[in-house]
Structures are given as structure tokens and as C-alpha cells.
Amino acid sequence: MFLSAVLVSLLLLGVTCEDQSYQLIKWRLTNLEAKQFEDAVMFNNSLMDVKEYVANKTQCCMDSNTSGQQTNSNINTDNVANNFVFNDVLQQMSVIKRAFVDQKQYMKNLFEKTNLVNEQTMNENIANIREEISDSVNEQVKKFKKELEAPVKRCNEDLRDVQNENKNNHKKLMEQISDLNNAIRIIFTIQSSGSPLYCHRGSCYVFGHGATWWGAKRECKTLGGALATIDNDDENNYIVNVLKNQDASKYDCGVFLGASDLAREGTWIYESNGKNINTIYSNFKGSEPNGGKRENCLHLYAHGSWIWNDTNCNLKMGYVCEFQNPLA
């Protein structure tokens, strides 16, 4: 709106200046025409005076002939003089008339030329004004773009941050939904099996019995978990306390846990995460483990005050399945 107002103001200013120049020239031409008209009137009056003078002279000559008071020689002399004056006047009148026509044609040509020059000058001024305004507009646009570069850059960066945050939040949400679905599936599966579910901190546990280490491993996987991985004394004590409150006949030999040294003798690795028990937590006591290649699976030994022991993987006994606590 500001630039449009400037453009209109400049155009009006240019047109006003040109109009003032045009009016000045027109005024001067009008004055010249008025002067020419006055000269023509004066010329006409002079012509009338000459005609009157000639008429008087002629009348005078006629009167002289009638009275007979003048001689023929004087009459001839006066006629010659009168003819000379009259011819001289006519010649001067012709010159003045030709000069008047030339002056009028000159003024007409001047007026037309002035109009043409005035129009060309006005067009040139308008073109210059437009060019100046265009340059000014382009400069303002460049300046405006430069001023917007930093805010637009920050806006784009903020937008990318928001998009990345939304993407991360969406990923976390999907993970939580997946975990929740898994938890629901696990709980449903466990309830269908008829085994109670025990939860402590970040884990839940199901206790089963009557399976080899291999069978227990498959059963836990079917339920959506794995044979238990014990990370510390607190977790170990919680499982032992639950077992002490169970039917002793089901767990008289103890329960399988999730570690073994089947891959390498003497190196006990958890099946769930592939970690060495010595880097996490160990509750072997005394000379245990001492079964060599005959005993390669970890269990909590009921008759040994629930300490850790290595045993034969093919024995059937109780087992502990561990799941991630969906409410943790």
C-alpha cells in the first residue's frame, strides 16, 4: 500500500510539473497571438488611413480639374506622386501581410513542436519514475527477504525439532502399546494356564513344575517370558520367599533358573540376555558349582537352603519363568 501511494504521488507530481510547463507555453502562445491580433488591427487601421488619404487626394485632383485653377503639369505631378505613395503602401502592406502569415505559421509549428516535446518529456519522466520505483521496490524486497532469513531459519529448525520430537514420542508410544499388548497377552496366557502371577519391582514371575531344563525353557517362551535371570539379592530373596510358601512336594528338588554352562564348561551364561552371571550376580556357595560336564544347568536347591547349585539338565523339577512387569 505504501509503495502504491508513492507511485501515485510521483506520477501525479510528474504530471503536475508537465502540466504547469504546458500551461506556461500555452499562455505565452496566447499572448503572442493576442499581440499578432493587435498588430493586425493596427495594420488594418493604417490601411484605412492610407485609403482615406488616397481618396482625399483623388477628390482634390477632381476638384482642381473642375475649377480650372491648376495646370495640367501640376495634375500630372500629383498623380505620379499619389501613385507612387499608393504603390509603396501596397508593397509595405504585402510585406507586412507576408510577415504576419510567416509569423503565424512559425507559431503554429512552435506550438506543435512544444506539444510533442512536452509529451515525450512527460513519458520519459514517467518511465524514469517507474524505473526508480521498481528499483526501490526490488531493494525493499531484497531487504525484507534478508530480514526474514534468520526468523524463517529458526522457524524451520523449530519445526524440525517438533517433528523429531513427535516422531520420538510416536515411537515411544508405539513401543508402550506393544509392551502393553504383550503384557495383556502374557497375562491372558498365564491366566489360561492356571498358574498364579507374582510381581516384584520390574518383573513378574510364574512358577511351574515337572519339566526338564529344556522343557521349562520352552514353556516360559510359550507364555511370553524366559527362565528367570536374577540380578541381585533382593530379587533372589523374593523368589525364595515365594517358593517357601508353595507346595513343598512340587519343588522338593528346587527350581530351574535361566543360566547354564552348556556352551563352555565353567562359564555360566544367562539365556535371556547372554550375560555371564559373574558380571551380574552369583549366589553359588562353597564348592559349587562342582558337577563338571554332568551338571550344566543352574537351579535353586531346596535341600540346600535355596542356594545356587549346578544340576543335570534332564532332571524334572520346578522352574521360574520371568516376565517384564507391565505396570512397572
Protein backbone atom coordinates (compact mmCIF):
# COMPACT_ATOMS: atom_id res chain seq x y z
CA MET A 1 0.00 0.00 0.00
CA PHE A 2 2.86 2.40 0.83
CA LEU A 3 4.66 1.76 -2.46
CA SER A 4 1.43 2.18 -4.43
CA ALA A 5 0.83 5.53 -2.71
CA VAL A 6 4.39 6.64 -3.52
CA LEU A 7 3.96 5.60 -7.17
CA VAL A 8 0.69 7.53 -7.49
CA SER A 9 2.19 10.61 -5.76
CA LEU A 10 5.25 10.61 -8.02
CA LEU A 11 3.14 10.16 -11.15
CA LEU A 12 0.84 12.99 -10.07
CA LEU A 13 3.87 15.17 -9.29
CA GLY A 14 5.35 14.45 -12.74
CA VAL A 15 2.05 15.12 -14.48
CA THR A 16 1.57 18.33 -12.44
CA CYS A 17 5.04 19.60 -13.38
CA GLU A 18 4.48 18.76 -17.04
CA ASP A 19 1.04 20.35 -16.94
CA GLN A 20 2.48 23.54 -15.45
CA SER A 21 5.11 23.71 -18.20
CA TYR A 22 2.47 23.09 -20.83
CA GLN A 23 0.21 25.80 -19.39
CA LEU A 24 3.11 28.29 -19.34
CA ILE A 25 3.90 27.66 -23.00
CA LYS A 26 0.22 27.86 -23.92
CA TRP A 27 -0.06 31.18 -22.06
CA ARG A 28 2.93 32.55 -23.94
CA LEU A 29 1.48 31.44 -27.29
CA THR A 30 -1.85 33.02 -26.39
CA ASN A 31 -0.09 36.31 -25.60
CA LEU A 32 1.78 36.12 -28.91
CA GLU A 33 -1.49 35.52 -30.79
CA ALA A 34 -3.07 38.43 -28.94
CA LYS A 35 -0.10 40.61 -29.90
CA GLN A 36 -0.45 39.49 -33.51
CA PHE A 37 -4.15 40.36 -33.39
CA GLU A 38 -3.32 43.85 -32.08
CA ASP A 39 -0.74 44.26 -34.85
CA ALA A 40 -3.34 43.16 -37.42
CA VAL A 41 -5.83 45.73 -36.06
CA MET A 42 -3.20 48.45 -36.21
CA PHE A 43 -2.29 47.33 -39.74
CA ASN A 44 -5.93 47.45 -40.76
CA ASN A 45 -6.32 50.93 -39.25
CA SER A 46 -3.23 52.10 -41.10
CA LEU A 47 -4.60 50.67 -44.31
CA MET A 48 -7.86 52.50 -43.79
CA ASP A 49 -5.92 55.73 -43.20
CA VAL A 50 -3.99 55.22 -46.43
CA LYS A 51 -7.16 54.54 -48.35
CA GLU A 52 -8.70 57.65 -46.88
CA TYR A 53 -5.62 59.65 -47.78
CA VAL A 54 -5.67 58.41 -51.36
CA ALA A 55 -9.36 59.11 -51.63
CA ASN A 56 -8.80 62.65 -50.39
CA LYS A 57 -6.02 63.18 -52.84
CA THR A 58 -8.16 61.90 -55.67
CA GLN A 59 -11.04 64.13 -54.68
CA CYS A 60 -8.67 67.04 -54.51
CA CYS A 61 -7.48 66.42 -58.04
CA MET A 62 -11.02 66.17 -59.34
CA ASP A 63 -11.91 69.48 -57.72
CA SER A 64 -8.90 71.09 -59.31
CA ASN A 65 -9.90 70.00 -62.79
CA THR A 66 -13.40 71.34 -62.35
CA SER A 67 -12.32 74.81 -61.20
CA GLY A 68 -9.55 75.10 -63.78
CA GLN A 69 -7.24 76.71 -61.17
CA GLN A 70 -4.39 74.17 -61.68
CA THR A 71 -2.34 73.44 -64.77
CA ASN A 72 -2.05 70.07 -66.48
CA SER A 73 1.56 69.75 -65.40
CA ASN A 74 0.68 70.07 -61.73
CA ILE A 75 -2.09 67.50 -62.06
CA ASN A 76 0.25 65.00 -63.68
CA THR A 77 2.83 65.59 -60.97
CA ASP A 78 0.28 64.98 -58.22
CA ASN A 79 -0.99 61.82 -59.92
CA VAL A 80 2.50 60.42 -60.19
CA ALA A 81 3.15 61.24 -56.56
CA ASN A 82 -0.11 59.70 -55.48
CA ASN A 83 0.51 56.56 -57.49
CA PHE A 84 3.98 56.26 -56.02
CA VAL A 85 2.68 56.60 -52.45
CA PHE A 86 -0.13 54.20 -53.07
CA ASN A 87 2.15 51.57 -54.63
CA ASP A 88 4.64 51.96 -51.80
CA VAL A 89 1.87 51.46 -49.27
CA LEU A 90 0.59 48.43 -51.10
CA GLN A 91 4.10 46.98 -51.19
CA GLN A 92 4.58 47.60 -47.46
CA MET A 93 1.20 46.08 -46.77
CA SER A 94 2.14 42.96 -48.79
CA VAL A 95 5.39 42.64 -46.81
CA ILE A 96 3.58 43.08 -43.52
CA LYS A 97 0.91 40.56 -44.54
CA ARG A 98 3.53 38.00 -45.63
CA ALA A 99 5.42 38.55 -42.37
CA PHE A 100 2.18 38.09 -40.44
CA VAL A 101 1.46 34.78 -42.26
CA ASP A 102 5.05 33.57 -41.69
CA GLN A 103 4.84 34.50 -38.03
CA LYS A 104 1.54 32.69 -37.66
CA GLN A 105 2.94 29.53 -39.35
CA TYR A 106 6.04 29.74 -37.14
CA MET A 107 3.92 29.98 -34.03
CA LYS A 108 1.81 27.05 -35.17
CA ASN A 109 4.92 24.92 -35.80
CA LEU A 110 6.35 26.02 -32.44
CA PHE A 111 3.14 25.09 -30.67
CA GLU A 112 3.05 21.61 -32.32
CA LYS A 113 6.72 21.03 -31.58
CA THR A 114 6.21 22.15 -27.99
CA ASN A 115 3.33 19.70 -27.58
CA LEU A 116 5.45 16.86 -28.99
CA VAL A 117 8.46 17.70 -26.81
CA ASN A 118 6.19 18.13 -23.79
CA GLU A 119 4.60 14.70 -24.35
CA GLN A 120 7.97 12.99 -24.89
CA THR A 121 9.40 14.64 -21.80
CA MET A 122 6.42 13.58 -19.73
CA ASN A 123 6.70 9.97 -20.99
CA GLU A 124 10.40 9.96 -20.22
CA ASN A 125 9.77 11.33 -16.74
CA ILE A 126 7.07 8.73 -16.12
CA ALA A 127 9.41 5.97 -17.34
CA ASN A 128 12.18 7.28 -15.05
CA ILE A 129 9.79 7.43 -12.11
CA ARG A 130 8.63 3.89 -12.78
CA GLU A 131 12.22 2.68 -13.02
CA GLU A 132 13.13 4.42 -9.76
CA ILE A 133 10.09 2.95 -8.03
CA SER A 134 10.88 -0.50 -9.44
CA ASP A 135 14.45 -0.26 -8.17
CA SER A 136 13.19 0.92 -4.79
CA VAL A 137 10.65 -1.91 -4.60
CA ASN A 138 13.27 -4.50 -5.56
CA GLU A 139 15.63 -3.12 -2.94
CA GLN A 140 12.90 -3.23 -0.29
CA VAL A 141 12.03 -6.82 -1.28
CA LYS A 142 15.68 -7.87 -1.01
CA LYS A 143 15.96 -6.18 2.37
CA PHE A 144 12.73 -7.80 3.55
CA LYS A 145 13.91 -11.24 2.39
CA LYS A 146 17.22 -10.77 4.18
CA GLU A 147 15.44 -9.72 7.37
CA LEU A 148 13.24 -12.83 7.13
CA GLU A 149 16.11 -15.29 6.57
CA ALA A 150 17.01 -15.68 10.25
CA PRO A 151 13.39 -15.97 11.55
CA VAL A 152 12.48 -18.42 8.79
CA LYS A 153 15.61 -20.48 9.54
CA ARG A 154 14.73 -20.57 13.24
CA CYS A 155 11.15 -21.47 12.40
CA ASN A 156 12.30 -24.35 10.18
CA GLU A 157 14.68 -25.56 12.89
CA ASP A 158 11.92 -25.40 15.49
CA LEU A 159 9.62 -27.24 13.11
CA ARG A 160 12.21 -29.98 12.58
CA ASP A 161 12.69 -30.25 16.34
CA VAL A 162 8.95 -30.58 16.85
CA GLN A 163 8.72 -33.15 14.06
CA ASN A 164 11.61 -35.15 15.54
CA GLU A 165 10.08 -34.91 18.99
CA ASN A 166 6.72 -36.06 17.64
CA LYS A 167 8.45 -38.91 15.82
CA ASN A 168 10.24 -39.97 19.00
CA ASN A 169 7.07 -39.64 21.05
CA HIS A 170 5.20 -41.68 18.47
CA LYS A 171 7.91 -44.33 18.57
CA LYS A 172 7.78 -44.44 22.37
CA LEU A 173 4.01 -44.60 22.30
CA MET A 174 4.07 -47.47 19.83
CA GLU A 175 6.62 -49.25 22.00
CA GLN A 176 4.44 -48.75 25.04
CA ILE A 177 1.41 -50.00 23.16
CA SER A 178 3.41 -53.01 22.02
CA ASP A 179 4.59 -53.66 25.56
CA LEU A 180 1.05 -53.31 26.83
CA ASN A 181 -0.25 -55.72 24.19
CA ASN A 182 2.47 -58.18 25.10
CA ALA A 183 1.66 -57.80 28.77
CA ILE A 184 -2.03 -58.37 28.12
CA ARG A 185 -1.22 -61.40 26.00
CA ILE A 186 1.13 -62.76 28.66
CA ILE A 187 -1.37 -62.20 31.46
CA PHE A 188 -4.11 -63.84 29.43
CA THR A 189 -1.84 -66.79 28.61
CA ILE A 190 -0.78 -67.15 32.23
CA GLN A 191 -4.34 -66.99 33.47
CA SER A 192 -5.31 -69.59 30.92
CA SER A 193 -2.56 -71.86 32.28
CA GLY A 194 -3.99 -71.63 35.77
CA SER A 195 -0.67 -70.52 37.34
CA PRO A 196 -0.64 -67.51 39.68
CA LEU A 197 1.37 -64.45 38.72
CA TYR A 198 3.78 -62.84 41.20
CA CYS A 199 5.18 -59.38 40.53
CA HIS A 200 8.09 -57.61 42.21
CA ARG A 201 9.55 -54.29 41.08
CA GLY A 202 10.17 -54.53 37.32
CA SER A 203 9.42 -58.24 36.88
CA CYS A 204 6.62 -60.75 37.23
CA TYR A 205 7.06 -64.50 37.83
CA VAL A 206 5.19 -67.70 37.18
CA PHE A 207 6.22 -70.90 38.98
CA GLY A 208 5.81 -74.24 37.23
CA HIS A 209 6.93 -77.82 37.99
CA GLY A 210 7.59 -81.21 36.45
CA ALA A 211 9.81 -80.21 33.49
CA THR A 212 13.42 -80.61 32.42
CA TRP A 213 15.53 -77.51 31.91
CA TRP A 214 14.82 -77.73 28.19
CA GLY A 215 11.09 -78.23 28.74
CA ALA A 216 10.96 -75.36 31.24
CA LYS A 217 12.71 -73.11 28.76
CA ARG A 218 10.11 -73.91 26.07
CA GLU A 219 7.20 -73.45 28.47
CA CYS A 220 8.41 -69.99 29.56
CA LYS A 221 8.84 -68.96 25.95
CA THR A 222 5.31 -70.15 25.17
CA LEU A 223 3.98 -67.94 27.96
CA GLY A 224 5.92 -64.96 26.56
CA GLY A 225 8.80 -64.93 29.04
CA ALA A 226 12.08 -66.74 29.78
CA LEU A 227 13.66 -68.73 32.59
CA ALA A 228 14.43 -66.31 35.41
CA THR A 229 17.51 -64.09 35.41
CA ILE A 230 18.41 -62.99 38.95
CA ASP A 231 20.16 -59.64 39.15
CA ASN A 232 20.64 -59.13 42.90
CA ASP A 233 20.00 -60.36 46.45
CA ASP A 234 16.64 -58.57 46.61
CA GLU A 235 15.28 -60.47 43.61
CA ASN A 236 16.82 -63.76 44.78
CA ASN A 237 15.27 -63.40 48.25
CA TYR A 238 11.84 -62.53 46.78
CA ILE A 239 11.79 -65.75 44.67
CA VAL A 240 12.98 -67.85 47.64
CA ASN A 241 10.25 -66.43 49.87
CA VAL A 242 7.58 -67.20 47.27
CA LEU A 243 8.89 -70.78 46.97
CA LYS A 244 8.83 -71.28 50.72
CA ASN A 245 5.09 -70.59 50.64
CA GLN A 246 4.40 -73.07 47.83
CA ASP A 247 3.53 -76.76 47.98
CA ALA A 248 6.85 -78.33 49.02
CA SER A 249 6.08 -81.54 47.15
CA LYS A 250 6.17 -79.68 43.84
CA TYR A 251 9.52 -78.08 44.48
CA ASP A 252 11.30 -80.60 46.67
CA CYS A 253 14.24 -80.70 44.25
CA GLY A 254 14.25 -76.96 43.76
CA VAL A 255 13.59 -74.86 40.61
CA PHE A 256 15.48 -74.27 37.37
CA LEU A 257 16.84 -70.76 36.64
CA GLY A 258 17.90 -69.35 33.27
CA ALA A 259 21.69 -69.89 33.26
CA SER A 260 23.87 -72.80 32.06
CA ASP A 261 27.46 -73.64 31.09
CA LEU A 262 26.40 -75.81 28.15
CA ALA A 263 28.31 -73.70 25.63
CA ARG A 264 31.56 -73.66 27.60
CA GLU A 265 32.28 -75.63 30.77
CA GLY A 266 32.63 -73.36 33.80
CA THR A 267 31.27 -70.27 32.05
CA TRP A 268 27.74 -69.65 33.21
CA ILE A 269 25.64 -67.60 30.79
CA TYR A 270 22.03 -66.43 31.07
CA GLU A 271 19.82 -67.47 28.16
CA SER A 272 17.71 -64.29 28.26
CA ASN A 273 20.50 -61.72 27.75
CA GLY A 274 23.70 -63.68 27.04
CA LYS A 275 25.48 -62.21 30.07
CA ASN A 276 27.92 -64.00 32.37
CA ILE A 277 26.43 -64.41 35.85
CA ASN A 278 29.70 -63.24 37.39
CA THR A 279 29.15 -59.81 35.79
CA ILE A 280 25.67 -59.53 37.29
CA TYR A 281 25.09 -61.52 40.46
CA SER A 282 26.00 -65.00 41.77
CA ASN A 283 24.79 -66.96 44.78
CA PHE A 284 26.97 -70.06 44.43
CA LYS A 285 28.20 -71.18 47.86
CA GLY A 286 31.08 -73.33 48.99
CA SER A 287 32.47 -75.60 46.30
CA GLU A 288 29.56 -75.04 43.93
CA PRO A 289 29.37 -75.43 41.03
CA ASN A 290 31.16 -78.78 41.12
CA GLY A 291 29.23 -81.13 38.82
CA GLY A 292 31.51 -80.77 35.84
CA LYS A 293 30.08 -81.82 32.48
CA ARG A 294 27.39 -83.91 34.17
CA GLU A 295 25.66 -80.91 35.71
CA ASN A 296 25.36 -77.90 33.39
CA CYS A 297 22.10 -76.18 34.42
CA LEU A 298 21.53 -73.68 37.24
CA HIS A 299 18.85 -74.24 39.89
CA LEU A 300 17.82 -73.11 43.36
CA TYR A 301 18.43 -76.15 45.57
CA ALA A 302 15.56 -76.69 48.04
CA HIS A 303 17.51 -79.03 50.34
CA GLY A 304 20.43 -76.61 50.46
CA SER A 305 18.54 -73.69 51.96
CA TRP A 306 17.73 -72.48 48.45
CA ILE A 307 21.31 -71.71 47.45
CA TRP A 308 22.50 -71.92 43.87
CA ASN A 309 23.61 -75.27 42.54
CA ASP A 310 24.54 -76.88 39.22
CA THR A 311 22.42 -79.89 38.30
CA ASN A 312 21.61 -82.29 35.49
CA CYS A 313 19.59 -80.53 32.79
CA ASN A 314 17.47 -83.62 32.14
CA LEU A 315 16.07 -83.86 35.65
CA LYS A 316 12.42 -82.88 36.07
CA MET A 317 11.68 -80.30 38.71
CA GLY A 318 10.15 -76.90 39.25
CA TYR A 319 11.09 -73.76 37.27
CA VAL A 320 10.66 -69.98 37.43
CA CYS A 321 9.52 -68.01 34.37
CA GLU A 322 10.22 -64.25 34.38
CA PHE A 323 8.27 -61.52 32.51
CA GLN A 324 8.59 -57.77 32.32
CA ASN A 325 6.18 -56.13 34.74
CA PRO A 326 3.61 -54.27 32.54
CA LEU A 327 2.77 -51.96 35.44
CA ALA A 328 6.37 -51.01 36.28
